N, C-alpha and C. Protein backbone atom coordinates (compact mmCIF):
# COMPACT_ATOMS: atom_id res chain seq x y z
N MET A 1 237.42 59.22 92.77
CA MET A 1 238.66 59.78 92.29
C MET A 1 238.44 60.43 91.02
N GLY A 2 238.68 61.71 90.91
CA GLY A 2 238.40 62.52 89.70
C GLY A 2 239.61 62.56 88.76
N ILE A 3 239.45 63.10 87.58
CA ILE A 3 240.49 63.26 86.64
C ILE A 3 241.38 64.45 86.95
N ASN A 4 242.63 64.31 87.01
CA ASN A 4 243.55 65.40 87.31
C ASN A 4 244.13 65.85 86.00
N PHE A 5 243.64 67.02 85.54
CA PHE A 5 244.04 67.51 84.24
C PHE A 5 245.45 68.04 84.22
N GLN A 6 246.10 68.09 85.38
CA GLN A 6 247.52 68.51 85.41
C GLN A 6 248.42 67.38 85.47
N ASN A 7 247.92 66.18 85.51
CA ASN A 7 248.70 64.92 85.56
C ASN A 7 249.40 64.76 84.22
N PRO A 8 250.74 64.58 84.11
CA PRO A 8 251.45 64.44 82.89
C PRO A 8 251.02 63.27 82.09
N PHE A 9 250.56 62.18 82.72
CA PHE A 9 250.12 60.99 82.06
C PHE A 9 248.78 61.28 81.36
N PHE A 10 247.95 62.00 81.98
CA PHE A 10 246.65 62.37 81.36
C PHE A 10 246.93 63.31 80.13
N ILE A 11 247.86 64.20 80.25
CA ILE A 11 248.17 65.15 79.17
C ILE A 11 248.69 64.42 77.94
N VAL A 12 249.66 63.47 78.22
CA VAL A 12 250.18 62.66 77.15
C VAL A 12 249.17 61.78 76.46
N PHE A 13 248.29 61.16 77.27
CA PHE A 13 247.21 60.33 76.75
C PHE A 13 246.26 61.20 75.95
N PHE A 14 245.91 62.37 76.38
CA PHE A 14 244.96 63.22 75.65
C PHE A 14 245.54 63.64 74.33
N VAL A 15 246.85 64.07 74.32
CA VAL A 15 247.55 64.46 73.11
C VAL A 15 247.59 63.31 72.08
N LEU A 16 247.93 62.11 72.56
CA LEU A 16 248.00 60.98 71.64
C LEU A 16 246.60 60.65 71.09
N CYS A 17 245.56 60.68 71.85
CA CYS A 17 244.18 60.43 71.42
C CYS A 17 243.79 61.54 70.38
N LEU A 18 244.15 62.72 70.64
CA LEU A 18 243.81 63.85 69.70
C LEU A 18 244.61 63.66 68.41
N TRP A 19 245.91 63.34 68.46
CA TRP A 19 246.70 63.03 67.31
C TRP A 19 246.09 61.93 66.44
N VAL A 20 245.70 60.85 66.98
CA VAL A 20 245.10 59.76 66.24
C VAL A 20 243.80 60.15 65.65
N THR A 21 242.96 60.84 66.36
CA THR A 21 241.62 61.21 65.91
C THR A 21 241.75 62.23 64.72
N VAL A 22 242.59 63.19 64.84
CA VAL A 22 242.79 64.19 63.73
C VAL A 22 243.38 63.51 62.54
N SER A 23 244.36 62.64 62.72
CA SER A 23 245.01 61.99 61.56
C SER A 23 243.97 61.12 60.82
N PHE A 24 243.20 60.31 61.62
CA PHE A 24 242.23 59.51 60.91
C PHE A 24 241.08 60.34 60.22
N SER A 25 240.74 61.44 60.91
CA SER A 25 239.72 62.30 60.28
C SER A 25 240.16 62.92 58.92
N ILE A 26 241.43 63.40 58.98
CA ILE A 26 241.99 63.94 57.66
C ILE A 26 242.02 62.84 56.60
N ALA A 27 242.49 61.67 56.96
CA ALA A 27 242.47 60.57 56.00
C ALA A 27 241.02 60.21 55.45
N LEU A 28 240.05 60.27 56.27
CA LEU A 28 238.71 60.03 55.85
C LEU A 28 238.12 61.11 54.97
N VAL A 29 238.30 62.33 55.44
CA VAL A 29 237.75 63.44 54.68
C VAL A 29 238.45 63.62 53.32
N GLY A 30 239.74 63.54 53.31
CA GLY A 30 240.54 63.76 52.03
C GLY A 30 240.46 62.63 51.07
N GLY A 31 240.16 61.35 51.53
CA GLY A 31 240.12 60.28 50.57
C GLY A 31 241.27 59.29 50.67
N TRP A 32 242.31 59.62 51.47
CA TRP A 32 243.46 58.71 51.57
C TRP A 32 243.06 57.36 52.11
N PHE A 33 242.12 57.39 53.14
CA PHE A 33 241.71 56.15 53.70
C PHE A 33 240.99 55.28 52.69
N GLU A 34 240.17 55.87 51.84
CA GLU A 34 239.48 55.12 50.75
C GLU A 34 240.49 54.56 49.69
N LEU A 35 241.50 55.43 49.40
CA LEU A 35 242.57 54.84 48.48
C LEU A 35 243.32 53.70 49.08
N GLY A 36 243.54 53.81 50.37
CA GLY A 36 244.30 52.81 51.18
C GLY A 36 243.59 51.45 51.13
N ARG A 37 242.23 51.53 51.24
CA ARG A 37 241.52 50.19 51.11
C ARG A 37 241.68 49.48 49.81
N ILE A 38 241.87 50.27 48.76
CA ILE A 38 241.95 49.69 47.38
C ILE A 38 243.36 49.53 46.90
N TYR A 39 244.24 50.50 47.17
CA TYR A 39 245.55 50.55 46.55
C TYR A 39 246.65 50.51 47.60
N ARG A 40 246.50 49.89 48.69
CA ARG A 40 247.52 49.83 49.70
C ARG A 40 248.83 49.25 49.17
N GLY A 41 249.90 49.92 49.33
CA GLY A 41 251.20 49.44 48.90
C GLY A 41 251.69 48.37 49.78
N THR A 42 252.00 47.20 49.21
CA THR A 42 252.35 46.02 50.04
C THR A 42 253.84 45.70 49.95
N ARG A 43 254.54 46.30 49.04
CA ARG A 43 256.01 46.01 48.97
C ARG A 43 256.79 47.32 48.85
N ARG A 44 258.05 47.22 49.01
CA ARG A 44 258.92 48.38 48.97
C ARG A 44 258.87 49.02 47.50
N PHE A 45 258.78 50.30 47.45
CA PHE A 45 258.69 51.00 46.16
C PHE A 45 260.10 51.11 45.51
N ALA A 46 260.21 50.80 44.26
CA ALA A 46 261.41 50.92 43.42
C ALA A 46 261.13 51.78 42.31
N GLY A 47 261.77 52.94 42.28
CA GLY A 47 261.52 53.93 41.22
C GLY A 47 261.92 55.32 41.67
N SER A 48 261.69 56.29 40.90
CA SER A 48 262.01 57.68 41.23
C SER A 48 261.01 58.16 42.33
N SER A 49 261.58 58.86 43.31
CA SER A 49 260.71 59.40 44.34
C SER A 49 261.16 60.79 44.79
N TRP A 50 260.21 61.55 45.28
CA TRP A 50 260.41 62.88 45.71
C TRP A 50 259.80 63.04 47.06
N ARG A 51 260.62 63.39 48.09
CA ARG A 51 260.22 63.47 49.46
C ARG A 51 259.74 64.99 49.77
N PHE A 52 258.95 65.03 50.83
CA PHE A 52 258.52 66.31 51.43
C PHE A 52 257.79 67.17 50.38
N GLN A 53 256.83 66.58 49.68
CA GLN A 53 256.01 67.23 48.66
C GLN A 53 254.75 67.68 49.23
N ASP A 54 254.05 68.55 48.49
CA ASP A 54 252.74 69.02 48.82
C ASP A 54 251.70 68.26 47.99
N ALA A 55 250.59 67.97 48.60
CA ALA A 55 249.52 67.33 47.83
C ALA A 55 248.16 67.86 48.33
N GLN A 56 247.17 67.91 47.43
CA GLN A 56 245.85 68.30 47.82
C GLN A 56 244.86 67.28 47.34
N PHE A 57 244.03 66.84 48.31
CA PHE A 57 242.99 65.85 47.99
C PHE A 57 241.64 66.53 48.01
N ARG A 58 240.54 65.75 48.03
CA ARG A 58 239.17 66.27 47.91
C ARG A 58 238.90 67.16 49.18
N LEU A 59 237.91 68.03 49.06
CA LEU A 59 237.51 68.97 50.10
C LEU A 59 238.61 69.78 50.59
N LEU A 60 239.53 70.16 49.70
CA LEU A 60 240.72 70.99 50.02
C LEU A 60 241.62 70.45 51.19
N THR A 61 241.62 69.16 51.29
CA THR A 61 242.52 68.59 52.30
C THR A 61 243.91 68.64 51.79
N ARG A 62 244.80 69.38 52.53
CA ARG A 62 246.17 69.56 52.10
C ARG A 62 247.15 68.86 52.93
N TYR A 63 248.21 68.34 52.30
CA TYR A 63 249.31 67.75 52.97
C TYR A 63 250.56 68.55 52.58
N ASN A 64 251.04 69.38 53.47
CA ASN A 64 252.12 70.28 53.15
C ASN A 64 253.48 69.72 53.58
N HIS A 65 254.32 69.41 52.64
CA HIS A 65 255.71 69.00 52.88
C HIS A 65 255.81 67.72 53.64
N ILE A 66 254.81 66.87 53.56
CA ILE A 66 254.88 65.54 54.30
C ILE A 66 254.63 64.32 53.44
N VAL A 67 254.48 64.52 52.15
CA VAL A 67 254.25 63.38 51.23
C VAL A 67 255.39 63.02 50.39
N THR A 68 255.64 61.70 50.37
CA THR A 68 256.61 61.16 49.39
C THR A 68 255.84 60.70 48.18
N VAL A 69 256.26 61.18 47.01
CA VAL A 69 255.58 60.74 45.77
C VAL A 69 256.59 60.01 44.91
N GLY A 70 256.19 58.98 44.37
CA GLY A 70 257.05 58.10 43.54
C GLY A 70 256.42 57.70 42.24
N SER A 71 257.21 57.42 41.27
CA SER A 71 256.68 57.03 39.91
C SER A 71 257.64 56.06 39.26
N ASN A 72 257.08 54.99 38.65
CA ASN A 72 257.87 54.14 37.78
C ASN A 72 256.95 53.68 36.68
N ALA A 73 257.37 52.73 35.87
CA ALA A 73 256.64 52.30 34.76
C ALA A 73 255.33 51.57 35.15
N GLU A 74 255.22 51.07 36.36
CA GLU A 74 254.06 50.39 36.77
C GLU A 74 252.96 51.25 37.41
N GLY A 75 253.41 52.35 38.11
CA GLY A 75 252.37 53.23 38.72
C GLY A 75 252.93 54.32 39.60
N LEU A 76 251.93 54.85 40.38
CA LEU A 76 252.17 56.04 41.25
C LEU A 76 252.29 55.62 42.67
N TYR A 77 253.25 56.09 43.42
CA TYR A 77 253.49 55.72 44.79
C TYR A 77 253.23 56.96 45.68
N LEU A 78 252.54 56.81 46.76
CA LEU A 78 252.31 57.93 47.67
C LEU A 78 252.46 57.38 49.11
N ALA A 79 253.23 58.16 49.93
CA ALA A 79 253.31 57.84 51.37
C ALA A 79 253.48 59.13 52.13
N VAL A 80 253.02 59.05 53.37
CA VAL A 80 253.06 60.18 54.28
C VAL A 80 254.19 60.00 55.22
N PHE A 81 254.89 61.06 55.49
CA PHE A 81 256.03 61.08 56.52
C PHE A 81 255.57 60.40 57.76
N LEU A 82 256.39 59.54 58.31
CA LEU A 82 256.09 58.66 59.49
C LEU A 82 255.17 59.24 60.60
N PRO A 83 255.57 60.36 61.21
CA PRO A 83 254.82 60.79 62.33
C PRO A 83 253.33 61.08 62.00
N PHE A 84 253.04 61.27 60.74
CA PHE A 84 251.67 61.59 60.25
C PHE A 84 250.96 60.43 59.57
N ARG A 85 251.58 59.22 59.60
CA ARG A 85 251.11 58.09 58.89
C ARG A 85 249.89 57.39 59.46
N ILE A 86 249.46 57.72 60.65
CA ILE A 86 248.27 57.08 61.24
C ILE A 86 247.08 57.31 60.31
N GLY A 87 246.43 56.22 59.85
CA GLY A 87 245.31 56.31 58.93
C GLY A 87 245.72 56.55 57.51
N HIS A 88 247.03 56.58 57.23
CA HIS A 88 247.55 56.84 55.89
C HIS A 88 248.52 55.77 55.45
N PRO A 89 248.09 54.63 55.01
CA PRO A 89 249.03 53.64 54.61
C PRO A 89 249.70 54.01 53.28
N PRO A 90 250.93 53.55 53.05
CA PRO A 90 251.51 53.81 51.73
C PRO A 90 250.63 53.26 50.66
N LEU A 91 250.64 54.01 49.48
CA LEU A 91 249.80 53.61 48.37
C LEU A 91 250.60 53.34 47.12
N PHE A 92 250.16 52.36 46.30
CA PHE A 92 250.76 52.12 45.00
C PHE A 92 249.53 51.91 44.04
N ILE A 93 249.34 52.85 43.13
CA ILE A 93 248.25 52.88 42.26
C ILE A 93 248.75 52.55 40.81
N PRO A 94 248.34 51.46 40.18
CA PRO A 94 248.78 51.16 38.83
C PRO A 94 248.29 52.17 37.79
N TRP A 95 249.09 52.50 36.82
CA TRP A 95 248.78 53.49 35.84
C TRP A 95 247.45 53.23 35.10
N GLN A 96 247.06 52.00 34.89
CA GLN A 96 245.82 51.68 34.23
C GLN A 96 244.61 52.15 35.05
N ASP A 97 244.79 52.41 36.31
CA ASP A 97 243.74 52.93 37.15
C ASP A 97 243.77 54.50 37.36
N VAL A 98 244.64 55.12 36.61
CA VAL A 98 244.93 56.62 36.80
C VAL A 98 244.53 57.33 35.58
N SER A 99 243.87 58.47 35.79
CA SER A 99 243.62 59.45 34.74
C SER A 99 244.30 60.74 35.17
N VAL A 100 245.04 61.37 34.23
CA VAL A 100 245.67 62.62 34.64
C VAL A 100 245.36 63.72 33.63
N ARG A 101 245.27 64.97 34.19
CA ARG A 101 245.07 66.05 33.24
C ARG A 101 245.75 67.28 33.86
N ARG A 102 246.22 68.12 33.02
CA ARG A 102 246.83 69.40 33.46
C ARG A 102 245.77 70.43 33.50
N GLU A 103 245.73 71.23 34.56
CA GLU A 103 244.77 72.26 34.73
C GLU A 103 245.41 73.47 35.36
N ARG A 104 244.62 74.53 35.40
CA ARG A 104 245.03 75.75 36.09
C ARG A 104 244.16 75.82 37.34
N PHE A 105 244.79 75.96 38.54
CA PHE A 105 244.13 76.19 39.80
C PHE A 105 244.54 77.59 40.32
N LEU A 106 243.57 78.42 40.39
CA LEU A 106 243.88 79.86 40.68
C LEU A 106 244.95 80.35 39.75
N TRP A 107 246.14 80.69 40.19
CA TRP A 107 247.24 81.14 39.22
C TRP A 107 248.30 80.13 39.03
N PHE A 108 248.03 78.91 39.54
CA PHE A 108 249.07 77.80 39.44
C PHE A 108 248.61 76.77 38.36
N ARG A 109 249.62 76.17 37.77
CA ARG A 109 249.32 75.01 36.91
C ARG A 109 249.55 73.80 37.78
N VAL A 110 248.63 72.82 37.60
CA VAL A 110 248.68 71.61 38.46
C VAL A 110 248.38 70.37 37.53
N TYR A 111 248.73 69.30 38.09
CA TYR A 111 248.36 68.00 37.54
C TYR A 111 247.21 67.44 38.50
N LYS A 112 246.12 67.06 37.87
CA LYS A 112 244.99 66.43 38.64
C LYS A 112 244.94 65.00 38.33
N PHE A 113 244.92 64.14 39.35
CA PHE A 113 244.87 62.68 39.18
C PHE A 113 243.56 62.13 39.65
N GLU A 114 242.90 61.28 38.90
CA GLU A 114 241.65 60.61 39.30
C GLU A 114 241.95 59.10 39.26
N PHE A 115 241.14 58.34 40.01
CA PHE A 115 241.45 56.95 40.20
C PHE A 115 240.16 56.13 39.85
N ARG A 116 240.38 55.15 39.00
CA ARG A 116 239.28 54.27 38.51
C ARG A 116 238.41 53.65 39.69
N GLN A 117 239.06 53.08 40.64
CA GLN A 117 238.35 52.36 41.72
C GLN A 117 237.91 53.30 42.87
N ALA A 118 238.30 54.56 42.82
CA ALA A 118 237.95 55.50 43.88
C ALA A 118 237.57 56.83 43.10
N PRO A 119 236.49 56.89 42.39
CA PRO A 119 236.21 58.07 41.56
C PRO A 119 235.90 59.29 42.35
N SER A 120 235.62 59.20 43.65
CA SER A 120 235.29 60.41 44.43
C SER A 120 236.60 61.04 44.96
N VAL A 121 237.74 60.40 44.78
CA VAL A 121 239.00 60.97 45.22
C VAL A 121 239.82 61.55 44.14
N ARG A 122 240.21 62.80 44.37
CA ARG A 122 241.14 63.47 43.38
C ARG A 122 242.37 63.93 44.07
N LEU A 123 243.44 63.86 43.36
CA LEU A 123 244.77 64.29 43.90
C LEU A 123 245.26 65.38 42.97
N GLN A 124 245.79 66.44 43.65
CA GLN A 124 246.30 67.55 42.85
C GLN A 124 247.74 67.80 43.28
N LEU A 125 248.65 67.87 42.29
CA LEU A 125 250.08 68.10 42.54
C LEU A 125 250.56 69.23 41.73
N LYS A 126 251.64 69.95 42.16
CA LYS A 126 252.15 71.04 41.46
C LYS A 126 252.70 70.65 40.08
N GLU A 127 252.67 71.45 39.07
CA GLU A 127 253.06 71.12 37.69
C GLU A 127 254.51 70.55 37.63
N LYS A 128 255.43 71.22 38.35
CA LYS A 128 256.86 70.71 38.30
C LYS A 128 256.89 69.25 38.69
N LEU A 129 256.32 68.91 39.81
CA LEU A 129 256.31 67.54 40.29
C LEU A 129 255.61 66.61 39.29
N GLY A 130 254.49 67.08 38.73
CA GLY A 130 253.74 66.28 37.77
C GLY A 130 254.58 65.97 36.55
N LYS A 131 255.39 66.91 36.10
CA LYS A 131 256.26 66.67 34.92
C LYS A 131 257.30 65.55 35.28
N GLU A 132 257.83 65.72 36.50
CA GLU A 132 258.86 64.66 36.92
C GLU A 132 258.29 63.29 37.07
N ILE A 133 257.02 63.22 37.51
CA ILE A 133 256.35 61.94 37.56
C ILE A 133 256.12 61.34 36.22
N GLN A 134 255.71 62.25 35.30
CA GLN A 134 255.45 61.86 33.90
C GLN A 134 256.70 61.27 33.23
N THR A 135 257.84 61.95 33.48
CA THR A 135 259.10 61.56 32.93
C THR A 135 259.50 60.17 33.48
N ALA A 136 259.31 59.96 34.80
CA ALA A 136 259.66 58.70 35.48
C ALA A 136 258.75 57.60 34.96
N ALA A 137 257.46 57.87 34.64
CA ALA A 137 256.60 56.81 34.21
C ALA A 137 256.87 56.39 32.75
N GLY A 138 257.55 57.26 32.01
CA GLY A 138 257.92 56.96 30.62
C GLY A 138 256.67 56.63 29.74
N SER A 139 256.75 55.58 28.95
CA SER A 139 255.68 55.28 28.03
C SER A 139 254.44 54.75 28.69
N SER A 140 254.54 54.49 29.96
CA SER A 140 253.34 54.02 30.74
C SER A 140 252.40 55.14 31.21
N TRP A 141 252.84 56.35 31.04
CA TRP A 141 252.07 57.54 31.42
C TRP A 141 250.73 57.46 30.85
N PRO A 142 249.67 57.65 31.73
CA PRO A 142 248.31 57.49 31.23
C PRO A 142 247.76 58.63 30.33
N GLY A 143 248.50 59.74 30.27
CA GLY A 143 248.05 60.83 29.45
C GLY A 143 246.79 61.50 29.90
N ASP A 144 246.28 62.34 29.08
CA ASP A 144 245.07 63.09 29.48
C ASP A 144 243.80 62.37 28.95
N ARG A 145 243.40 61.39 29.74
CA ARG A 145 242.23 60.55 29.41
C ARG A 145 240.93 61.29 29.60
N ALA A 146 240.98 62.32 30.42
CA ALA A 146 239.72 62.98 30.84
C ALA A 146 239.24 64.10 29.95
N VAL A 147 239.98 64.46 28.90
CA VAL A 147 239.67 65.55 28.02
C VAL A 147 238.30 65.46 27.43
N ALA A 148 237.94 64.31 26.98
CA ALA A 148 236.70 64.11 26.26
C ALA A 148 235.48 63.84 27.19
N GLY A 149 235.65 64.08 28.45
CA GLY A 149 234.47 63.84 29.40
C GLY A 149 234.91 62.93 30.45
N SER A 150 234.40 61.70 30.44
CA SER A 150 234.66 60.70 31.54
C SER A 150 236.17 60.38 31.55
N ALA A 151 236.69 60.20 32.77
CA ALA A 151 238.04 59.91 32.94
C ALA A 151 238.45 58.53 32.46
N PHE A 152 237.54 57.63 32.41
CA PHE A 152 237.93 56.24 31.98
C PHE A 152 236.93 55.76 30.90
């Protein structure tokens, strides 16, 4: 008995397998999976949050309009919109593990975030969102620790 490529069950199974594979691959390449092993959010986030945001991780991995970003006095919250969450657990990163600096990327101003326990992962957000995160963090904002060289 051979595989019938026109069978609707096969098509659905193939699409689901492809969806899971692509989602996990993006999480691995971009660094979200690594952050999830260290900074997995375990409780409901309480603080300011912004839905449907853009984010860029390492190797130009982009998340367009599917990230919820949150900030409070304790740390930075990141979550991916539910259909894309496979391989992307919600994250909560305490401010003491975050280094932030403002930079110019091409013709845009951005905020670049680096993480103490995952130094190979970098997060880049638009300047407007970065300012809102900074305001919500208040006096806990880590500031520009990376100016003099090492981020930490």
